[in-house]
Amino acid sequence: MAEGDQLIPLRGPALRIAENMTASLTMPVATSQRMMPVKVIDENRRTINQYRSGLGQSKVSYTHLVAWAIVRAIEKVPSLNQAFSEQGENSFRLTHEHVNMGLAIDVEGKDGARSLKVPSVKKADTMNFAQFLAAYDDLVKRARANKLQVPDFEAPRFR
């Protein structure tokens, strides 16, 4: 847990829902997909990239935009930044003070084998888009160069 995070004991219906969700992890589930138009996001990305290209800056991907949208959505729906925690026989809701946006980065090893690295942009909720983009790109660059460190994978800890 990071400083500012809160553990709230689960009771009543919330506890029962958590118990049912935990039990369901052992059951096969069906997934669904939804299709939605991406014309607006595509046009916005094109405009952003034309501007950035004129400045000699890197391109913005759809993944950058979706990750940023998730960070911003958590401002409007803070419960998205909560987690379930079990400690012994007690169940808790963990409310995080900040958003650490995990990035799944496909990396090729020296032997050609591929692996997935998942570092996180720390305190993404405190950044503007330019800062987020720089932190995101730094993690990807370091992941591909095999230069990530243990703290890149950890939640920030405070004393």
N, C-alpha and C. Protein backbone atom coordinates (compact mmCIF):
# COMPACT_ATOMS: atom_id res chain seq x y z
N MET A 1 0.83 -1.19 0.00
CA MET A 1 0.00 0.00 0.00
C MET A 1 0.87 1.24 0.00
N ALA A 2 0.44 2.23 -0.74
CA ALA A 2 1.15 3.50 -0.77
C ALA A 2 0.55 4.44 0.27
N GLU A 3 1.34 5.43 0.67
CA GLU A 3 0.83 6.43 1.60
C GLU A 3 -0.40 7.08 1.01
N GLY A 4 -1.44 7.26 1.81
CA GLY A 4 -2.67 7.86 1.33
C GLY A 4 -3.72 6.84 0.90
N ASP A 5 -3.30 5.59 0.64
CA ASP A 5 -4.26 4.54 0.30
C ASP A 5 -5.05 4.18 1.54
N GLN A 6 -6.27 3.71 1.37
CA GLN A 6 -7.12 3.35 2.50
C GLN A 6 -7.63 1.92 2.36
N LEU A 7 -7.61 1.17 3.46
CA LEU A 7 -8.23 -0.15 3.52
C LEU A 7 -9.56 -0.01 4.25
N ILE A 8 -10.63 -0.37 3.58
CA ILE A 8 -11.96 -0.26 4.17
C ILE A 8 -12.53 -1.67 4.29
N PRO A 9 -12.83 -2.14 5.51
CA PRO A 9 -13.36 -3.50 5.67
C PRO A 9 -14.67 -3.68 4.90
N LEU A 10 -14.79 -4.81 4.22
CA LEU A 10 -16.03 -5.12 3.50
C LEU A 10 -16.98 -5.82 4.47
N ARG A 11 -18.24 -5.42 4.41
CA ARG A 11 -19.28 -5.99 5.25
C ARG A 11 -20.54 -6.17 4.41
N GLY A 12 -21.44 -6.99 4.89
CA GLY A 12 -22.76 -7.14 4.28
C GLY A 12 -22.71 -7.52 2.82
N PRO A 13 -23.55 -6.87 1.98
CA PRO A 13 -23.63 -7.23 0.56
C PRO A 13 -22.30 -7.09 -0.18
N ALA A 14 -21.52 -6.07 0.15
CA ALA A 14 -20.23 -5.89 -0.52
C ALA A 14 -19.31 -7.07 -0.27
N LEU A 15 -19.31 -7.59 0.96
CA LEU A 15 -18.50 -8.75 1.29
C LEU A 15 -18.98 -9.97 0.53
N ARG A 16 -20.29 -10.16 0.45
CA ARG A 16 -20.85 -11.31 -0.27
C ARG A 16 -20.50 -11.25 -1.75
N ILE A 17 -20.59 -10.08 -2.34
CA ILE A 17 -20.23 -9.91 -3.75
C ILE A 17 -18.76 -10.27 -3.95
N ALA A 18 -17.88 -9.80 -3.07
CA ALA A 18 -16.45 -10.11 -3.17
C ALA A 18 -16.22 -11.61 -3.05
N GLU A 19 -16.92 -12.26 -2.12
CA GLU A 19 -16.78 -13.72 -1.97
C GLU A 19 -17.22 -14.45 -3.24
N ASN A 20 -18.35 -14.02 -3.83
CA ASN A 20 -18.83 -14.63 -5.06
C ASN A 20 -17.87 -14.40 -6.22
N MET A 21 -17.30 -13.21 -6.29
CA MET A 21 -16.34 -12.92 -7.36
C MET A 21 -15.09 -13.78 -7.21
N THR A 22 -14.61 -13.94 -5.99
CA THR A 22 -13.44 -14.78 -5.76
C THR A 22 -13.74 -16.22 -6.14
N ALA A 23 -14.91 -16.71 -5.76
CA ALA A 23 -15.30 -18.09 -6.11
C ALA A 23 -15.41 -18.26 -7.62
N SER A 24 -15.84 -17.22 -8.32
CA SER A 24 -16.05 -17.32 -9.76
C SER A 24 -14.73 -17.41 -10.54
N LEU A 25 -13.62 -17.09 -9.91
CA LEU A 25 -12.33 -17.15 -10.61
C LEU A 25 -11.99 -18.56 -11.07
N THR A 26 -12.59 -19.56 -10.45
CA THR A 26 -12.30 -20.94 -10.83
C THR A 26 -13.26 -21.47 -11.89
N MET A 27 -14.20 -20.63 -12.32
CA MET A 27 -15.20 -21.06 -13.30
C MET A 27 -14.90 -20.45 -14.66
N PRO A 28 -15.09 -21.22 -15.74
CA PRO A 28 -14.91 -20.63 -17.08
C PRO A 28 -15.98 -19.57 -17.33
N VAL A 29 -15.59 -18.54 -18.05
CA VAL A 29 -16.53 -17.45 -18.33
C VAL A 29 -16.55 -17.14 -19.82
N ALA A 30 -17.62 -16.53 -20.25
CA ALA A 30 -17.74 -16.08 -21.64
C ALA A 30 -17.36 -14.61 -21.69
N THR A 31 -16.85 -14.18 -22.80
CA THR A 31 -16.53 -12.76 -22.97
C THR A 31 -17.36 -12.21 -24.11
N SER A 32 -17.47 -10.91 -24.16
CA SER A 32 -18.21 -10.27 -25.24
C SER A 32 -17.37 -9.12 -25.78
N GLN A 33 -17.74 -8.69 -26.96
CA GLN A 33 -17.05 -7.57 -27.58
C GLN A 33 -18.09 -6.54 -27.99
N ARG A 34 -17.67 -5.31 -28.00
CA ARG A 34 -18.54 -4.25 -28.50
C ARG A 34 -17.77 -3.50 -29.57
N MET A 35 -18.42 -3.22 -30.63
CA MET A 35 -17.81 -2.46 -31.71
C MET A 35 -18.28 -1.01 -31.58
N MET A 36 -17.35 -0.09 -31.76
CA MET A 36 -17.73 1.31 -31.73
C MET A 36 -16.88 2.07 -32.74
N PRO A 37 -17.44 3.13 -33.32
CA PRO A 37 -16.70 3.89 -34.32
C PRO A 37 -15.52 4.64 -33.68
N VAL A 38 -14.43 4.72 -34.41
CA VAL A 38 -13.25 5.40 -33.89
C VAL A 38 -12.88 6.61 -34.75
N LYS A 39 -13.81 7.08 -35.56
CA LYS A 39 -13.53 8.19 -36.46
C LYS A 39 -13.03 9.42 -35.71
N VAL A 40 -13.67 9.77 -34.60
CA VAL A 40 -13.27 10.97 -33.85
C VAL A 40 -11.88 10.80 -33.27
N ILE A 41 -11.63 9.65 -32.66
CA ILE A 41 -10.30 9.43 -32.07
C ILE A 41 -9.24 9.41 -33.18
N ASP A 42 -9.58 8.85 -34.33
CA ASP A 42 -8.64 8.81 -35.45
C ASP A 42 -8.32 10.22 -35.95
N GLU A 43 -9.36 11.04 -36.10
CA GLU A 43 -9.15 12.42 -36.56
C GLU A 43 -8.34 13.21 -35.54
N ASN A 44 -8.64 13.04 -34.26
CA ASN A 44 -7.89 13.76 -33.22
C ASN A 44 -6.43 13.30 -33.20
N ARG A 45 -6.21 12.00 -33.33
CA ARG A 45 -4.84 11.49 -33.34
C ARG A 45 -4.07 12.05 -34.54
N ARG A 46 -4.72 12.09 -35.69
CA ARG A 46 -4.07 12.63 -36.90
C ARG A 46 -3.68 14.09 -36.68
N THR A 47 -4.58 14.88 -36.10
CA THR A 47 -4.30 16.30 -35.84
C THR A 47 -3.15 16.45 -34.85
N ILE A 48 -3.18 15.68 -33.78
CA ILE A 48 -2.10 15.73 -32.78
C ILE A 48 -0.78 15.37 -33.43
N ASN A 49 -0.77 14.32 -34.24
CA ASN A 49 0.48 13.86 -34.86
C ASN A 49 1.00 14.84 -35.91
N GLN A 50 0.11 15.52 -36.62
CA GLN A 50 0.57 16.55 -37.56
C GLN A 50 1.27 17.68 -36.80
N TYR A 51 0.69 18.08 -35.71
CA TYR A 51 1.28 19.14 -34.88
C TYR A 51 2.63 18.68 -34.31
N ARG A 52 2.66 17.46 -33.74
CA ARG A 52 3.89 16.94 -33.14
C ARG A 52 4.98 16.74 -34.19
N SER A 53 4.58 16.32 -35.39
CA SER A 53 5.55 16.12 -36.47
C SER A 53 6.24 17.44 -36.81
N GLY A 54 5.47 18.53 -36.82
CA GLY A 54 6.04 19.85 -37.10
C GLY A 54 7.05 20.29 -36.05
N LEU A 55 6.93 19.72 -34.85
CA LEU A 55 7.86 20.04 -33.77
C LEU A 55 8.99 19.02 -33.66
N GLY A 56 8.97 18.00 -34.55
CA GLY A 56 9.98 16.95 -34.50
C GLY A 56 9.77 15.97 -33.35
N GLN A 57 8.53 15.86 -32.88
CA GLN A 57 8.24 14.96 -31.76
C GLN A 57 7.66 13.64 -32.26
N SER A 58 7.68 12.64 -31.38
CA SER A 58 7.20 11.31 -31.73
C SER A 58 5.69 11.31 -31.93
N LYS A 59 5.22 10.25 -32.60
CA LYS A 59 3.79 10.10 -32.85
C LYS A 59 3.07 9.61 -31.61
N VAL A 60 1.78 9.94 -31.54
CA VAL A 60 0.89 9.48 -30.49
C VAL A 60 0.11 8.30 -31.05
N SER A 61 0.08 7.21 -30.30
CA SER A 61 -0.64 6.01 -30.74
C SER A 61 -2.05 5.99 -30.16
N TYR A 62 -2.87 5.08 -30.67
CA TYR A 62 -4.19 4.88 -30.07
C TYR A 62 -4.04 4.45 -28.62
N THR A 63 -3.03 3.65 -28.34
CA THR A 63 -2.82 3.16 -26.97
C THR A 63 -2.53 4.32 -26.03
N HIS A 64 -1.73 5.30 -26.47
CA HIS A 64 -1.50 6.49 -25.65
C HIS A 64 -2.83 7.15 -25.30
N LEU A 65 -3.67 7.32 -26.31
CA LEU A 65 -4.93 8.03 -26.11
C LEU A 65 -5.90 7.25 -25.22
N VAL A 66 -5.97 5.94 -25.41
CA VAL A 66 -6.86 5.13 -24.59
C VAL A 66 -6.38 5.12 -23.14
N ALA A 67 -5.06 4.96 -22.93
CA ALA A 67 -4.52 4.97 -21.57
C ALA A 67 -4.81 6.30 -20.89
N TRP A 68 -4.63 7.40 -21.62
CA TRP A 68 -4.90 8.72 -21.06
C TRP A 68 -6.39 8.88 -20.75
N ALA A 69 -7.25 8.35 -21.61
CA ALA A 69 -8.70 8.42 -21.36
C ALA A 69 -9.06 7.66 -20.09
N ILE A 70 -8.40 6.55 -19.84
CA ILE A 70 -8.66 5.78 -18.61
C ILE A 70 -8.25 6.59 -17.39
N VAL A 71 -7.07 7.21 -17.46
CA VAL A 71 -6.61 8.05 -16.33
C VAL A 71 -7.63 9.15 -16.05
N ARG A 72 -8.11 9.80 -17.10
CA ARG A 72 -9.08 10.89 -16.93
C ARG A 72 -10.44 10.35 -16.45
N ALA A 73 -10.82 9.16 -16.90
CA ALA A 73 -12.10 8.58 -16.48
C ALA A 73 -12.12 8.31 -14.98
N ILE A 74 -10.98 7.97 -14.44
CA ILE A 74 -10.91 7.68 -13.00
C ILE A 74 -11.21 8.93 -12.18
N GLU A 75 -10.94 10.11 -12.73
CA GLU A 75 -11.33 11.35 -12.04
C GLU A 75 -12.85 11.43 -11.90
N LYS A 76 -13.56 11.00 -12.92
CA LYS A 76 -15.02 11.07 -12.91
C LYS A 76 -15.66 9.90 -12.16
N VAL A 77 -14.98 8.74 -12.18
CA VAL A 77 -15.50 7.54 -11.51
C VAL A 77 -14.37 6.97 -10.64
N PRO A 78 -14.14 7.57 -9.46
CA PRO A 78 -13.02 7.17 -8.60
C PRO A 78 -13.05 5.70 -8.18
N SER A 79 -14.20 5.07 -8.18
CA SER A 79 -14.26 3.67 -7.77
C SER A 79 -13.49 2.76 -8.74
N LEU A 80 -13.18 3.26 -9.94
CA LEU A 80 -12.35 2.48 -10.87
C LEU A 80 -10.94 2.28 -10.32
N ASN A 81 -10.55 3.09 -9.35
CA ASN A 81 -9.21 3.01 -8.78
C ASN A 81 -9.22 2.30 -7.43
N GLN A 82 -10.19 1.42 -7.25
CA GLN A 82 -10.26 0.62 -6.04
C GLN A 82 -9.89 -0.82 -6.36
N ALA A 83 -9.47 -1.53 -5.34
CA ALA A 83 -9.08 -2.93 -5.52
C ALA A 83 -9.64 -3.74 -4.35
N PHE A 84 -9.61 -5.03 -4.52
CA PHE A 84 -10.03 -5.98 -3.49
C PHE A 84 -8.78 -6.52 -2.83
N SER A 85 -8.80 -6.62 -1.51
CA SER A 85 -7.65 -7.13 -0.78
C SER A 85 -8.12 -8.08 0.32
N GLU A 86 -7.48 -9.21 0.41
CA GLU A 86 -7.72 -10.13 1.52
C GLU A 86 -6.50 -10.14 2.41
N GLN A 87 -6.74 -10.01 3.71
CA GLN A 87 -5.66 -10.10 4.69
C GLN A 87 -6.13 -11.07 5.75
N GLY A 88 -5.56 -12.27 5.71
CA GLY A 88 -6.03 -13.33 6.59
C GLY A 88 -7.44 -13.71 6.15
N GLU A 89 -8.35 -13.71 7.09
CA GLU A 89 -9.74 -14.04 6.77
C GLU A 89 -10.59 -12.79 6.54
N ASN A 90 -9.98 -11.62 6.56
CA ASN A 90 -10.72 -10.38 6.38
C ASN A 90 -10.61 -9.88 4.95
N SER A 91 -11.68 -9.30 4.46
CA SER A 91 -11.73 -8.73 3.11
C SER A 91 -11.86 -7.22 3.18
N PHE A 92 -11.18 -6.53 2.28
CA PHE A 92 -11.16 -5.08 2.30
C PHE A 92 -11.32 -4.52 0.90
N ARG A 93 -11.80 -3.28 0.86
CA ARG A 93 -11.75 -2.49 -0.36
C ARG A 93 -10.54 -1.58 -0.20
N LEU A 94 -9.65 -1.62 -1.16
CA LEU A 94 -8.45 -0.78 -1.13
C LEU A 94 -8.70 0.40 -2.06
N THR A 95 -8.71 1.59 -1.48
CA THR A 95 -8.91 2.80 -2.26
C THR A 95 -7.56 3.49 -2.42
N HIS A 96 -7.09 3.56 -3.65
CA HIS A 96 -5.79 4.16 -3.94
C HIS A 96 -5.92 5.68 -4.00
N GLU A 97 -4.91 6.36 -3.49
CA GLU A 97 -4.90 7.81 -3.55
C GLU A 97 -4.54 8.31 -4.95
N HIS A 98 -3.67 7.57 -5.64
CA HIS A 98 -3.21 7.98 -6.97
C HIS A 98 -3.43 6.88 -7.98
N VAL A 99 -3.30 7.23 -9.25
CA VAL A 99 -3.45 6.28 -10.36
C VAL A 99 -2.06 5.92 -10.87
N ASN A 100 -1.75 4.63 -10.83
CA ASN A 100 -0.52 4.12 -11.45
C ASN A 100 -0.96 3.31 -12.66
N MET A 101 -0.74 3.85 -13.85
CA MET A 101 -1.24 3.24 -15.08
C MET A 101 -0.25 2.19 -15.59
N GLY A 102 -0.65 0.93 -15.49
CA GLY A 102 0.19 -0.16 -15.97
C GLY A 102 0.18 -0.24 -17.48
N LEU A 103 1.35 -0.48 -18.05
CA LEU A 103 1.49 -0.61 -19.50
C LEU A 103 2.00 -2.02 -19.82
N ALA A 104 1.28 -2.75 -20.65
CA ALA A 104 1.74 -4.07 -21.08
C ALA A 104 2.59 -3.88 -22.32
N ILE A 105 3.89 -4.19 -22.20
CA ILE A 105 4.85 -3.94 -23.28
C ILE A 105 5.42 -5.28 -23.74
N ASP A 106 5.22 -5.59 -25.02
CA ASP A 106 5.74 -6.81 -25.62
C ASP A 106 7.23 -6.60 -25.92
N VAL A 107 8.08 -7.45 -25.32
CA VAL A 107 9.53 -7.28 -25.45
C VAL A 107 10.14 -8.57 -25.98
N GLU A 108 11.06 -8.42 -26.93
CA GLU A 108 11.77 -9.57 -27.46
C GLU A 108 13.09 -9.73 -26.70
N GLY A 109 13.31 -10.95 -26.18
CA GLY A 109 14.53 -11.25 -25.45
C GLY A 109 15.70 -11.53 -26.38
N LYS A 110 16.88 -11.71 -25.81
CA LYS A 110 18.09 -11.99 -26.60
C LYS A 110 17.96 -13.26 -27.41
N ASP A 111 17.20 -14.23 -26.88
CA ASP A 111 17.03 -15.51 -27.57
C ASP A 111 15.87 -15.49 -28.56
N GLY A 112 15.24 -14.32 -28.74
CA GLY A 112 14.11 -14.20 -29.66
C GLY A 112 12.76 -14.49 -29.03
N ALA A 113 12.77 -15.03 -27.80
CA ALA A 113 11.51 -15.30 -27.11
C ALA A 113 10.86 -13.97 -26.70
N ARG A 114 9.56 -13.94 -26.76
CA ARG A 114 8.82 -12.73 -26.41
C ARG A 114 8.28 -12.85 -25.00
N SER A 115 8.23 -11.72 -24.31
CA SER A 115 7.64 -11.69 -22.97
C SER A 115 6.90 -10.37 -22.80
N LEU A 116 6.04 -10.34 -21.82
CA LEU A 116 5.26 -9.15 -21.55
C LEU A 116 5.76 -8.51 -20.26
N LYS A 117 6.16 -7.27 -20.34
CA LYS A 117 6.59 -6.50 -19.17
C LYS A 117 5.47 -5.51 -18.84
N VAL A 118 5.19 -5.34 -17.55
CA VAL A 118 4.09 -4.45 -17.15
C VAL A 118 4.56 -3.46 -16.08
N PRO A 119 5.35 -2.46 -16.49
CA PRO A 119 5.70 -1.38 -15.55
C PRO A 119 4.52 -0.41 -15.48
N SER A 120 4.60 0.58 -14.61
CA SER A 120 3.50 1.54 -14.54
C SER A 120 4.00 2.97 -14.48
N VAL A 121 3.19 3.85 -15.08
CA VAL A 121 3.41 5.28 -14.97
C VAL A 121 2.88 5.68 -13.60
N LYS A 122 3.76 6.14 -12.74
CA LYS A 122 3.40 6.47 -11.36
C LYS A 122 2.68 7.82 -11.29
N LYS A 123 1.66 7.86 -10.45
CA LYS A 123 0.88 9.08 -10.21
C LYS A 123 0.43 9.75 -11.51
N ALA A 124 -0.09 8.93 -12.42
CA ALA A 124 -0.54 9.46 -13.72
C ALA A 124 -1.62 10.52 -13.56
N ASP A 125 -2.39 10.42 -12.49
CA ASP A 125 -3.47 11.38 -12.25
C ASP A 125 -2.97 12.78 -11.93
N THR A 126 -1.69 12.94 -11.62
CA THR A 126 -1.14 14.26 -11.30
C THR A 126 -0.48 14.91 -12.51
N MET A 127 -0.49 14.22 -13.65
CA MET A 127 0.22 14.69 -14.84
C MET A 127 -0.74 15.33 -15.85
N ASN A 128 -0.16 16.20 -16.69
CA ASN A 128 -0.90 16.63 -17.87
C ASN A 128 -0.56 15.65 -19.00
N PHE A 129 -1.19 15.82 -20.16
CA PHE A 129 -1.00 14.84 -21.24
C PHE A 129 0.45 14.77 -21.70
N ALA A 130 1.12 15.90 -21.80
CA ALA A 130 2.52 15.90 -22.25
C ALA A 130 3.42 15.14 -21.27
N GLN A 131 3.20 15.34 -19.98
CA GLN A 131 3.99 14.63 -18.97
C GLN A 131 3.70 13.13 -19.01
N PHE A 132 2.42 12.79 -19.17
CA PHE A 132 2.03 11.38 -19.25
C PHE A 132 2.67 10.72 -20.46
N LEU A 133 2.62 11.39 -21.60
CA LEU A 133 3.19 10.87 -22.83
C LEU A 133 4.70 10.64 -22.68
N ALA A 134 5.39 11.59 -22.05
CA ALA A 134 6.84 11.45 -21.84
C ALA A 134 7.15 10.27 -20.91
N ALA A 135 6.39 10.14 -19.83
CA ALA A 135 6.61 9.03 -18.89
C ALA A 135 6.30 7.69 -19.56
N TYR A 136 5.22 7.63 -20.31
CA TYR A 136 4.81 6.43 -21.05
C TYR A 136 5.92 6.01 -22.02
N ASP A 137 6.36 6.97 -22.86
CA ASP A 137 7.38 6.67 -23.86
C ASP A 137 8.70 6.27 -23.23
N ASP A 138 9.04 6.87 -22.08
CA ASP A 138 10.26 6.50 -21.37
C ASP A 138 10.20 5.04 -20.92
N LEU A 139 9.06 4.62 -20.38
CA LEU A 139 8.92 3.22 -19.94
C LEU A 139 9.05 2.26 -21.11
N VAL A 140 8.41 2.58 -22.23
CA VAL A 140 8.48 1.71 -23.41
C VAL A 140 9.92 1.63 -23.91
N LYS A 141 10.58 2.76 -24.00
CA LYS A 141 11.96 2.79 -24.48
C LYS A 141 12.87 1.95 -23.57
N ARG A 142 12.73 2.13 -22.26
CA ARG A 142 13.56 1.38 -21.33
C ARG A 142 13.21 -0.11 -21.32
N ALA A 143 11.95 -0.43 -21.51
CA ALA A 143 11.55 -1.85 -21.56
C ALA A 143 12.19 -2.53 -22.76
N ARG A 144 12.16 -1.89 -23.90
CA ARG A 144 12.71 -2.48 -25.12
C ARG A 144 14.24 -2.57 -25.08
N ALA A 145 14.86 -1.73 -24.25
CA ALA A 145 16.32 -1.76 -24.09
C ALA A 145 16.73 -2.59 -22.88
N ASN A 146 15.76 -3.26 -22.25
CA ASN A 146 16.01 -4.08 -21.05
C ASN A 146 16.64 -3.25 -19.93
N LYS A 147 16.13 -2.04 -19.73
CA LYS A 147 16.68 -1.13 -18.73
C LYS A 147 15.68 -0.81 -17.61
N LEU A 148 14.58 -1.56 -17.54
CA LEU A 148 13.63 -1.32 -16.45
C LEU A 148 14.23 -1.75 -15.13
N GLN A 149 13.82 -1.08 -14.07
CA GLN A 149 14.27 -1.39 -12.72
C GLN A 149 13.08 -1.88 -11.90
N VAL A 150 13.33 -2.51 -10.77
CA VAL A 150 12.27 -3.03 -9.91
C VAL A 150 11.24 -1.94 -9.56
N PRO A 151 11.64 -0.72 -9.21
CA PRO A 151 10.64 0.31 -8.88
C PRO A 151 9.66 0.61 -10.02
N ASP A 152 10.05 0.35 -11.25
CA ASP A 152 9.14 0.59 -12.38
C ASP A 152 7.92 -0.32 -12.31
N PHE A 153 8.04 -1.44 -11.60
CA PHE A 153 6.96 -2.41 -11.50
C PHE A 153 6.18 -2.28 -10.19
N GLU A 154 6.69 -1.51 -9.26
CA GLU A 154 6.09 -1.40 -7.92
C GLU A 154 5.19 -0.19 -7.80
N ALA A 155 4.26 -0.27 -6.87
CA ALA A 155 3.49 0.91 -6.50
C ALA A 155 4.43 1.80 -5.70
N PRO A 156 4.29 3.12 -5.81
CA PRO A 156 5.18 3.99 -5.04
C PRO A 156 4.98 3.77 -3.54
N ARG A 157 6.07 3.76 -2.83
CA ARG A 157 6.03 3.59 -1.37
C ARG A 157 6.54 4.88 -0.73
N PHE A 158 5.91 5.25 0.33
CA PHE A 158 6.32 6.47 1.05
C PHE A 158 6.62 6.11 2.49
N ARG A 159 7.48 6.86 3.11
CA ARG A 159 7.82 6.61 4.52
C ARG A 159 7.17 7.64 5.39
